[in-house]
Amino acid sequence: MLLSLLKIRKKTSSVITGILIGAACLWGVSMWQDITPRQLFNLFLGSFLLILGIMLMAGLLIFVIKMLAKLIRPKSSQDTAGDDKL
């Protein structure tokens, strides 16, 4: 309701609301489990770096597969072009 008064798009307000709810949940868990903000930040940073590493490796794997496909494709198309002329 409040974000609609600020003239923010629905998707943007959903993202902001999700982040705020997540932060509130983490704060509640940290209070309940007596986790210091420093430890909570380290957990978040570690999770973020893990996800970032997985995304980078997936992107690198896709890049390598596409480059290999481009290297293989011209050779196979030249071989089939020669067969048509016979």
PDB file of N, CA and C in Angstrom:
ATOM      1  N   MET A   1       0.822  -1.186   0.000  1.00  0.00           N
ATOM      2  CA  MET A   1       0.000   0.000   0.000  1.00  0.00           C
ATOM      3  C   MET A   1       0.869   1.254   0.000  1.00  0.00           C
ATOM      4  N   LEU A   2       1.865   1.259   0.874  1.00  0.00           N
ATOM      5  CA  LEU A   2       2.731   2.423   0.983  1.00  0.00           C
ATOM      6  C   LEU A   2       3.515   2.652  -0.305  1.00  0.00           C
ATOM      7  N   LEU A   3       4.002   1.541  -0.900  1.00  0.00           N
ATOM      8  CA  LEU A   3       4.799   1.684  -2.122  1.00  0.00           C
ATOM      9  C   LEU A   3       3.948   2.148  -3.296  1.00  0.00           C
ATOM     10  N   SER A   4       2.653   1.849  -3.289  1.00  0.00           N
ATOM     11  CA  SER A   4       1.794   2.335  -4.366  1.00  0.00           C
ATOM     12  C   SER A   4       1.604   3.848  -4.269  1.00  0.00           C
ATOM     13  N   LEU A   5       1.677   4.376  -3.057  1.00  0.00           N
ATOM     14  CA  LEU A   5       1.572   5.829  -2.887  1.00  0.00           C
ATOM     15  C   LEU A   5       2.815   6.545  -3.410  1.00  0.00           C
ATOM     16  N   LEU A   6       3.936   5.836  -3.469  1.00  0.00           N
ATOM     17  CA  LEU A   6       5.186   6.428  -3.948  1.00  0.00           C
ATOM     18  C   LEU A   6       5.324   6.349  -5.467  1.00  0.00           C
ATOM     19  N   LYS A   7       4.305   5.842  -6.142  1.00  0.00           N
ATOM     20  CA  LYS A   7       4.287   5.728  -7.612  1.00  0.00           C
ATOM     21  C   LYS A   7       5.434   4.849  -8.123  1.00  0.00           C
ATOM     22  N   ILE A   8       5.590   3.679  -7.499  1.00  0.00           N
ATOM     23  CA  ILE A   8       6.609   2.711  -7.903  1.00  0.00           C
ATOM     24  C   ILE A   8       5.905   1.592  -8.662  1.00  0.00           C
ATOM     25  N   ARG A   9       6.554   1.071  -9.708  1.00  0.00           N
ATOM     26  CA  ARG A   9       5.979  -0.010 -10.503  1.00  0.00           C
ATOM     27  C   ARG A   9       5.732  -1.238  -9.634  1.00  0.00           C
ATOM     28  N   LYS A  10       4.797  -2.088 -10.074  1.00  0.00           N
ATOM     29  CA  LYS A  10       4.432  -3.269  -9.286  1.00  0.00           C
ATOM     30  C   LYS A  10       5.606  -4.227  -9.110  1.00  0.00           C
ATOM     31  N   LYS A  11       6.365  -4.449 -10.172  1.00  0.00           N
ATOM     32  CA  LYS A  11       7.497  -5.371 -10.076  1.00  0.00           C
ATOM     33  C   LYS A  11       8.559  -4.840  -9.128  1.00  0.00           C
ATOM     34  N   THR A  12       8.840  -3.550  -9.224  1.00  0.00           N
ATOM     35  CA  THR A  12       9.840  -2.948  -8.353  1.00  0.00           C
ATOM     36  C   THR A  12       9.379  -2.996  -6.905  1.00  0.00           C
ATOM     37  N   SER A  13       8.122  -2.704  -6.674  1.00  0.00           N
ATOM     38  CA  SER A  13       7.617  -2.740  -5.297  1.00  0.00           C
ATOM     39  C   SER A  13       7.617  -4.164  -4.762  1.00  0.00           C
ATOM     40  N   SER A  14       7.382  -5.149  -5.615  1.00  0.00           N
ATOM     41  CA  SER A  14       7.442  -6.544  -5.175  1.00  0.00           C
ATOM     42  C   SER A  14       8.855  -6.926  -4.762  1.00  0.00           C
ATOM     43  N   VAL A  15       9.835  -6.486  -5.540  1.00  0.00           N
ATOM     44  CA  VAL A  15      11.232  -6.777  -5.206  1.00  0.00           C
ATOM     45  C   VAL A  15      11.616  -6.104  -3.891  1.00  0.00           C
ATOM     46  N   ILE A  16      11.255  -4.836  -3.734  1.00  0.00           N
ATOM     47  CA  ILE A  16      11.574  -4.110  -2.494  1.00  0.00           C
ATOM     48  C   ILE A  16      10.898  -4.770  -1.304  1.00  0.00           C
ATOM     49  N   THR A  17       9.638  -5.150  -1.461  1.00  0.00           N
ATOM     50  CA  THR A  17       8.918  -5.795  -0.375  1.00  0.00           C
ATOM     51  C   THR A  17       9.551  -7.134  -0.022  1.00  0.00           C
ATOM     52  N   GLY A  18       9.941  -7.909  -1.017  1.00  0.00           N
ATOM     53  CA  GLY A  18      10.598  -9.189  -0.762  1.00  0.00           C
ATOM     54  C   GLY A  18      11.910  -9.030  -0.018  1.00  0.00           C
ATOM     55  N   ILE A  19      12.681  -8.033  -0.407  1.00  0.00           N
ATOM     56  CA  ILE A  19      13.950  -7.780   0.277  1.00  0.00           C
ATOM     57  C   ILE A  19      13.709  -7.358   1.727  1.00  0.00           C
ATOM     58  N   LEU A  20      12.716  -6.502   1.945  1.00  0.00           N
ATOM     59  CA  LEU A  20      12.407  -6.062   3.314  1.00  0.00           C
ATOM     60  C   LEU A  20      11.897  -7.210   4.182  1.00  0.00           C
ATOM     61  N   ILE A  21      11.057  -8.064   3.610  1.00  0.00           N
ATOM     62  CA  ILE A  21      10.558  -9.216   4.368  1.00  0.00           C
ATOM     63  C   ILE A  21      11.704 -10.169   4.688  1.00  0.00           C
ATOM     64  N   GLY A  22      12.587 -10.407   3.717  1.00  0.00           N
ATOM     65  CA  GLY A  22      13.745 -11.264   3.953  1.00  0.00           C
ATOM     66  C   GLY A  22      14.662 -10.703   5.027  1.00  0.00           C
ATOM     67  N   ALA A  23      14.899  -9.402   4.978  1.00  0.00           N
ATOM     68  CA  ALA A  23      15.751  -8.770   5.988  1.00  0.00           C
ATOM     69  C   ALA A  23      15.108  -8.871   7.371  1.00  0.00           C
ATOM     70  N   ALA A  24      13.796  -8.688   7.439  1.00  0.00           N
ATOM     71  CA  ALA A  24      13.104  -8.797   8.729  1.00  0.00           C
ATOM     72  C   ALA A  24      13.174 -10.231   9.274  1.00  0.00           C
ATOM     73  N   CYS A  25      13.029 -11.200   8.384  1.00  0.00           N
ATOM     74  CA  CYS A  25      13.133 -12.598   8.814  1.00  0.00           C
ATOM     75  C   CYS A  25      14.542 -12.915   9.311  1.00  0.00           C
ATOM     76  N   LEU A  26      15.552 -12.461   8.580  1.00  0.00           N
ATOM     77  CA  LEU A  26      16.928 -12.685   9.033  1.00  0.00           C
ATOM     78  C   LEU A  26      17.206 -12.007  10.364  1.00  0.00           C
ATOM     79  N   TRP A  27      16.675 -10.811  10.539  1.00  0.00           N
ATOM     80  CA  TRP A  27      16.859 -10.113  11.804  1.00  0.00           C
ATOM     81  C   TRP A  27      16.187 -10.884  12.937  1.00  0.00           C
ATOM     82  N   GLY A  28      14.974 -11.391  12.692  1.00  0.00           N
ATOM     83  CA  GLY A  28      14.273 -12.171  13.707  1.00  0.00           C
ATOM     84  C   GLY A  28      15.023 -13.443  14.074  1.00  0.00           C
ATOM     85  N   VAL A  29      15.540 -14.145  13.066  1.00  0.00           N
ATOM     86  CA  VAL A  29      16.310 -15.366  13.329  1.00  0.00           C
ATOM     87  C   VAL A  29      17.590 -15.035  14.075  1.00  0.00           C
ATOM     88  N   SER A  30      18.242 -13.944  13.719  1.00  0.00           N
ATOM     89  CA  SER A  30      19.486 -13.586  14.400  1.00  0.00           C
ATOM     90  C   SER A  30      19.230 -13.222  15.862  1.00  0.00           C
ATOM     91  N   MET A  31      18.110 -12.582  16.148  1.00  0.00           N
ATOM     92  CA  MET A  31      17.767 -12.283  17.539  1.00  0.00           C
ATOM     93  C   MET A  31      17.423 -13.558  18.307  1.00  0.00           C
ATOM     94  N   TRP A  32      16.712 -14.460  17.647  1.00  0.00           N
ATOM     95  CA  TRP A  32      16.269 -15.695  18.285  1.00  0.00           C
ATOM     96  C   TRP A  32      17.453 -16.617  18.573  1.00  0.00           C
ATOM     97  N   GLN A  33      18.412 -16.688  17.656  1.00  0.00           N
ATOM     98  CA  GLN A  33      19.545 -17.594  17.790  1.00  0.00           C
ATOM     99  C   GLN A  33      20.790 -16.914  18.368  1.00  0.00           C
ATOM    100  N   ASP A  34      20.689 -15.665  18.747  1.00  0.00           N
ATOM    101  CA  ASP A  34      21.833 -14.899  19.279  1.00  0.00           C
ATOM    102  C   ASP A  34      23.019 -14.893  18.307  1.00  0.00           C
ATOM    103  N   ILE A  35      22.740 -14.620  17.040  1.00  0.00           N
ATOM    104  CA  ILE A  35      23.773 -14.514  16.018  1.00  0.00           C
ATOM    105  C   ILE A  35      24.118 -13.034  15.885  1.00  0.00           C
ATOM    106  N   THR A  36      25.399 -12.744  15.900  1.00  0.00           N
ATOM    107  CA  THR A  36      25.816 -11.355  15.773  1.00  0.00           C
ATOM    108  C   THR A  36      25.607 -10.877  14.332  1.00  0.00           C
ATOM    109  N   PRO A  37      25.431  -9.589  14.139  1.00  0.00           N
ATOM    110  CA  PRO A  37      25.293  -9.077  12.765  1.00  0.00           C
ATOM    111  C   PRO A  37      26.504  -9.421  11.890  1.00  0.00           C
ATOM    112  N   ARG A  38      27.676  -9.469  12.485  1.00  0.00           N
ATOM    113  CA  ARG A  38      28.883  -9.815  11.727  1.00  0.00           C
ATOM    114  C   ARG A  38      28.808 -11.240  11.185  1.00  0.00           C
ATOM    115  N   GLN A  39      28.360 -12.180  12.028  1.00  0.00           N
ATOM    116  CA  GLN A  39      28.217 -13.562  11.591  1.00  0.00           C
ATOM    117  C   GLN A  39      27.131 -13.685  10.521  1.00  0.00           C
ATOM    118  N   LEU A  40      26.055 -12.953  10.695  1.00  0.00           N
ATOM    119  CA  LEU A  40      24.974 -12.965   9.719  1.00  0.00           C
ATOM    120  C   LEU A  40      25.452 -12.431   8.378  1.00  0.00           C
ATOM    121  N   PHE A  41      26.250 -11.360   8.420  1.00  0.00           N
ATOM    122  CA  PHE A  41      26.803 -10.799   7.193  1.00  0.00           C
ATOM    123  C   PHE A  41      27.751 -11.791   6.531  1.00  0.00           C
ATOM    124  N   ASN A  42      28.560 -12.496   7.319  1.00  0.00           N
ATOM    125  CA  ASN A  42      29.473 -13.495   6.759  1.00  0.00           C
ATOM    126  C   ASN A  42      28.708 -14.636   6.098  1.00  0.00           C
ATOM    127  N   LEU A  43      27.604 -15.062   6.707  1.00  0.00           N
ATOM    128  CA  LEU A  43      26.772 -16.099   6.100  1.00  0.00           C
ATOM    129  C   LEU A  43      26.188 -15.612   4.772  1.00  0.00           C
ATOM    130  N   PHE A  44      25.680 -14.395   4.772  1.00  0.00           N
ATOM    131  CA  PHE A  44      25.115 -13.823   3.554  1.00  0.00           C
ATOM    132  C   PHE A  44      26.179 -13.694   2.471  1.00  0.00           C
ATOM    133  N   LEU A  45      27.336 -13.179   2.835  1.00  0.00           N
ATOM    134  CA  LEU A  45      28.409 -12.993   1.866  1.00  0.00           C
ATOM    135  C   LEU A  45      28.872 -14.328   1.289  1.00  0.00           C
ATOM    136  N   GLY A  46      29.008 -15.333   2.142  1.00  0.00           N
ATOM    137  CA  GLY A  46      29.404 -16.655   1.670  1.00  0.00           C
ATOM    138  C   GLY A  46      28.388 -17.246   0.713  1.00  0.00           C
ATOM    139  N   SER A  47      27.106 -17.113   1.036  1.00  0.00           N
ATOM    140  CA  SER A  47      26.043 -17.621   0.158  1.00  0.00           C
ATOM    141  C   SER A  47      26.037 -16.866  -1.167  1.00  0.00           C
ATOM    142  N   PHE A  48      26.210 -15.559  -1.092  1.00  0.00           N
ATOM    143  CA  PHE A  48      26.231 -14.736  -2.305  1.00  0.00           C
ATOM    144  C   PHE A  48      27.392 -15.130  -3.211  1.00  0.00           C
ATOM    145  N   LEU A  49      28.569 -15.326  -2.632  1.00  0.00           N
ATOM    146  CA  LEU A  49      29.734 -15.703  -3.435  1.00  0.00           C
ATOM    147  C   LEU A  49      29.575 -17.090  -4.033  1.00  0.00           C
ATOM    148  N   LEU A  50      28.944 -18.002  -3.301  1.00  0.00           N
ATOM    149  CA  LEU A  50      28.698 -19.339  -3.827  1.00  0.00           C
ATOM    150  C   LEU A  50      27.766 -19.274  -5.036  1.00  0.00           C
ATOM    151  N   ILE A  51      26.676 -18.548  -4.918  1.00  0.00           N
ATOM    152  CA  ILE A  51      25.730 -18.414  -6.033  1.00  0.00           C
ATOM    153  C   ILE A  51      26.390 -17.712  -7.216  1.00  0.00           C
ATOM    154  N   LEU A  52      27.180 -16.665  -6.943  1.00  0.00           N
ATOM    155  CA  LEU A  52      27.888 -15.961  -8.011  1.00  0.00           C
ATOM    156  C   LEU A  52      28.864 -16.885  -8.729  1.00  0.00           C
ATOM    157  N   GLY A  53      29.578 -17.706  -7.980  1.00  0.00           N
ATOM    158  CA  GLY A  53      30.512 -18.659  -8.578  1.00  0.00           C
ATOM    159  C   GLY A  53      29.813 -19.677  -9.450  1.00  0.00           C
ATOM    160  N   ILE A  54      28.662 -20.165  -9.000  1.00  0.00           N
ATOM    161  CA  ILE A  54      27.895 -21.124  -9.790  1.00  0.00           C
ATOM    162  C   ILE A  54      27.416 -20.474 -11.086  1.00  0.00           C
ATOM    163  N   MET A  55      26.941 -19.233 -11.004  1.00  0.00           N
ATOM    164  CA  MET A  55      26.473 -18.533 -12.195  1.00  0.00           C
ATOM    165  C   MET A  55      27.616 -18.287 -13.177  1.00  0.00           C
ATOM    166  N   LEU A  56      28.780 -17.907 -12.682  1.00  0.00           N
ATOM    167  CA  LEU A  56      29.924 -17.665 -13.557  1.00  0.00           C
ATOM    168  C   LEU A  56      30.385 -18.954 -14.239  1.00  0.00           C
ATOM    169  N   MET A  57      30.419 -20.047 -13.484  1.00  0.00           N
ATOM    170  CA  MET A  57      30.830 -21.322 -14.075  1.00  0.00           C
ATOM    171  C   MET A  57      29.823 -21.792 -15.121  1.00  0.00           C
ATOM    172  N   ALA A  58      28.528 -21.577 -14.869  1.00  0.00           N
ATOM    173  CA  ALA A  58      27.505 -21.954 -15.853  1.00  0.00           C
ATOM    174  C   ALA A  58      27.665 -21.112 -17.120  1.00  0.00           C
ATOM    175  N   GLY A  59      27.906 -19.822 -16.969  1.00  0.00           N
ATOM    176  CA  GLY A  59      28.115 -18.956 -18.128  1.00  0.00           C
ATOM    177  C   GLY A  59      29.348 -19.358 -18.911  1.00  0.00           C
ATOM    178  N   LEU A  60      30.417 -19.694 -18.210  1.00  0.00           N
ATOM    179  CA  LEU A  60      31.645 -20.134 -18.870  1.00  0.00           C
ATOM    180  C   LEU A  60      31.428 -21.448 -19.608  1.00  0.00           C
ATOM    181  N   LEU A  61      30.687 -22.352 -19.010  1.00  0.00           N
ATOM    182  CA  LEU A  61      30.394 -23.632 -19.656  1.00  0.00           C
ATOM    183  C   LEU A  61      29.564 -23.429 -20.920  1.00  0.00           C
ATOM    184  N   ILE A  62      28.582 -22.565 -20.867  1.00  0.00           N
ATOM    185  CA  ILE A  62      27.765 -22.263 -22.048  1.00  0.00           C
ATOM    186  C   ILE A  62      28.624 -21.649 -23.146  1.00  0.00           C
ATOM    187  N   PHE A  63      29.510 -20.728 -22.774  1.00  0.00           N
ATOM    188  CA  PHE A  63      30.401 -20.092 -23.742  1.00  0.00           C
ATOM    189  C   PHE A  63      31.293 -21.131 -24.427  1.00  0.00           C
ATOM    190  N   VAL A  64      31.870 -22.033 -23.657  1.00  0.00           N
ATOM    191  CA  VAL A  64      32.760 -23.050 -24.215  1.00  0.00           C
ATOM    192  C   VAL A  64      31.989 -23.979 -25.146  1.00  0.00           C
ATOM    193  N   ILE A  65      30.798 -24.381 -24.748  1.00  0.00           N
ATOM    194  CA  ILE A  65      30.003 -25.276 -25.597  1.00  0.00           C
ATOM    195  C   ILE A  65      29.627 -24.587 -26.901  1.00  0.00           C
ATOM    196  N   LYS A  66      29.248 -23.322 -26.850  1.00  0.00           N
ATOM    197  CA  LYS A  66      28.882 -22.596 -28.077  1.00  0.00           C
ATOM    198  C   LYS A  66      30.084 -22.421 -28.998  1.00  0.00           C
ATOM    199  N   MET A  67      31.255 -22.133 -28.425  1.00  0.00           N
ATOM    200  CA  MET A  67      32.456 -21.990 -29.257  1.00  0.00           C
ATOM    201  C   MET A  67      32.826 -23.316 -29.907  1.00  0.00           C
ATOM    202  N   LEU A  68      32.712 -24.404 -29.167  1.00  0.00           N
ATOM    203  CA  LEU A  68      32.995 -25.714 -29.756  1.00  0.00           C
ATOM    204  C   LEU A  68      31.993 -26.042 -30.857  1.00  0.00           C
ATOM    205  N   ALA A  69      30.745 -25.671 -30.659  1.00  0.00           N
ATOM    206  CA  ALA A  69      29.731 -25.918 -31.687  1.00  0.00           C
ATOM    207  C   ALA A  69      30.027 -25.107 -32.940  1.00  0.00           C
ATOM    208  N   LYS A  70      30.500 -23.872 -32.782  1.00  0.00           N
ATOM    209  CA  LYS A  70      30.839 -23.046 -33.951  1.00  0.00           C
ATOM    210  C   LYS A  70      32.047 -23.608 -34.684  1.00  0.00           C
ATOM    211  N   LEU A  71      32.996 -24.177 -33.953  1.00  0.00           N
ATOM    212  CA  LEU A  71      34.168 -24.762 -34.603  1.00  0.00           C
ATOM    213  C   LEU A  71      33.819 -26.045 -35.347  1.00  0.00           C
ATOM    214  N   ILE A  72      32.907 -26.806 -34.813  1.00  0.00           N
ATOM    215  CA  ILE A  72      32.542 -28.084 -35.428  1.00  0.00           C
ATOM    216  C   ILE A  72      31.569 -27.887 -36.585  1.00  0.00           C
ATOM    217  N   ARG A  73      30.646 -26.961 -36.479  1.00  0.00           N
ATOM    218  CA  ARG A  73      29.586 -26.767 -37.479  1.00  0.00           C
ATOM    219  C   ARG A  73      30.124 -26.440 -38.879  1.00  0.00           C
ATOM    220  N   PRO A  74      31.079 -25.518 -39.064  1.00  0.00           N
ATOM    221  CA  PRO A  74      31.541 -25.226 -40.440  1.00  0.00           C
ATOM    222  C   PRO A  74      32.173 -26.439 -41.114  1.00  0.00           C
ATOM    223  N   LYS A  75      32.878 -27.267 -40.393  1.00  0.00           N
ATOM    224  CA  LYS A  75      33.500 -28.440 -40.989  1.00  0.00           C
ATOM    225  C   LYS A  75      32.450 -29.426 -41.464  1.00  0.00           C
ATOM    226  N   SER A  76      31.422 -29.634 -40.690  1.00  0.00           N
ATOM    227  CA  SER A  76      30.382 -30.587 -41.088  1.00  0.00           C
ATOM    228  C   SER A  76      29.553 -30.043 -42.249  1.00  0.00           C
ATOM    229  N   SER A  77      29.338 -28.720 -42.317  1.00  0.00           N
ATOM    230  CA  SER A  77      28.567 -28.153 -43.429  1.00  0.00           C
ATOM    231  C   SER A  77      29.375 -28.198 -44.725  1.00  0.00           C
ATOM    232  N   GLN A  78      30.697 -28.086 -44.666  1.00  0.00           N
ATOM    233  CA  GLN A  78      31.527 -28.181 -45.868  1.00  0.00           C
ATOM    234  C   GLN A  78      31.550 -29.612 -46.381  1.00  0.00           C
ATOM    235  N   ASP A  79      31.547 -30.575 -45.474  1.00  0.00           N
ATOM    236  CA  ASP A  79      31.555 -31.977 -45.886  1.00  0.00           C
ATOM    237  C   ASP A  79      30.268 -32.350 -46.606  1.00  0.00           C
ATOM    238  N   THR A  80      29.141 -31.862 -46.133  1.00  0.00           N
ATOM    239  CA  THR A  80      27.863 -32.190 -46.770  1.00  0.00           C
ATOM    240  C   THR A  80      27.696 -31.417 -48.075  1.00  0.00           C
ATOM    241  N   ALA A  81      28.303 -30.231 -48.219  1.00  0.00           N
ATOM    242  CA  ALA A  81      28.197 -29.473 -49.461  1.00  0.00           C
ATOM    243  C   ALA A  81      28.921 -30.197 -50.590  1.00  0.00           C
ATOM    244  N   GLY A  82      30.006 -30.857 -50.308  1.00  0.00           N
ATOM    245  CA  GLY A  82      30.738 -31.599 -51.322  1.00  0.00           C
ATOM    246  C   GLY A  82      29.986 -32.833 -51.775  1.00  0.00           C
ATOM    247  N   ASP A  83      29.179 -33.417 -50.910  1.00  0.00           N
ATOM    248  CA  ASP A  83      28.401 -34.597 -51.267  1.00  0.00           C
ATOM    249  C   ASP A  83      27.270 -34.265 -52.228  1.00  0.00           C
ATOM    250  N   ASP A  84      26.741 -33.052 -52.180  1.00  0.00           N
ATOM    251  CA  ASP A  84      25.643 -32.653 -53.055  1.00  0.00           C
ATOM    252  C   ASP A  84      26.101 -32.553 -54.506  1.00  0.00           C
ATOM    253  N   LYS A  85      27.350 -32.217 -54.753  1.00  0.00           N
ATOM    254  CA  LYS A  85      27.840 -32.021 -56.109  1.00  0.00           C
ATOM    255  C   LYS A  85      28.103 -33.335 -56.836  1.00  0.00           C
ATOM    256  N   LEU A  86      28.189 -34.432 -56.109  1.00  0.00           N
ATOM    257  CA  LEU A  86      28.446 -35.733 -56.748  1.00  0.00           C
ATOM    258  C   LEU A  86      27.209 -36.185 -57.391  1.00  0.00           C
TER     259      LEU A  86
END
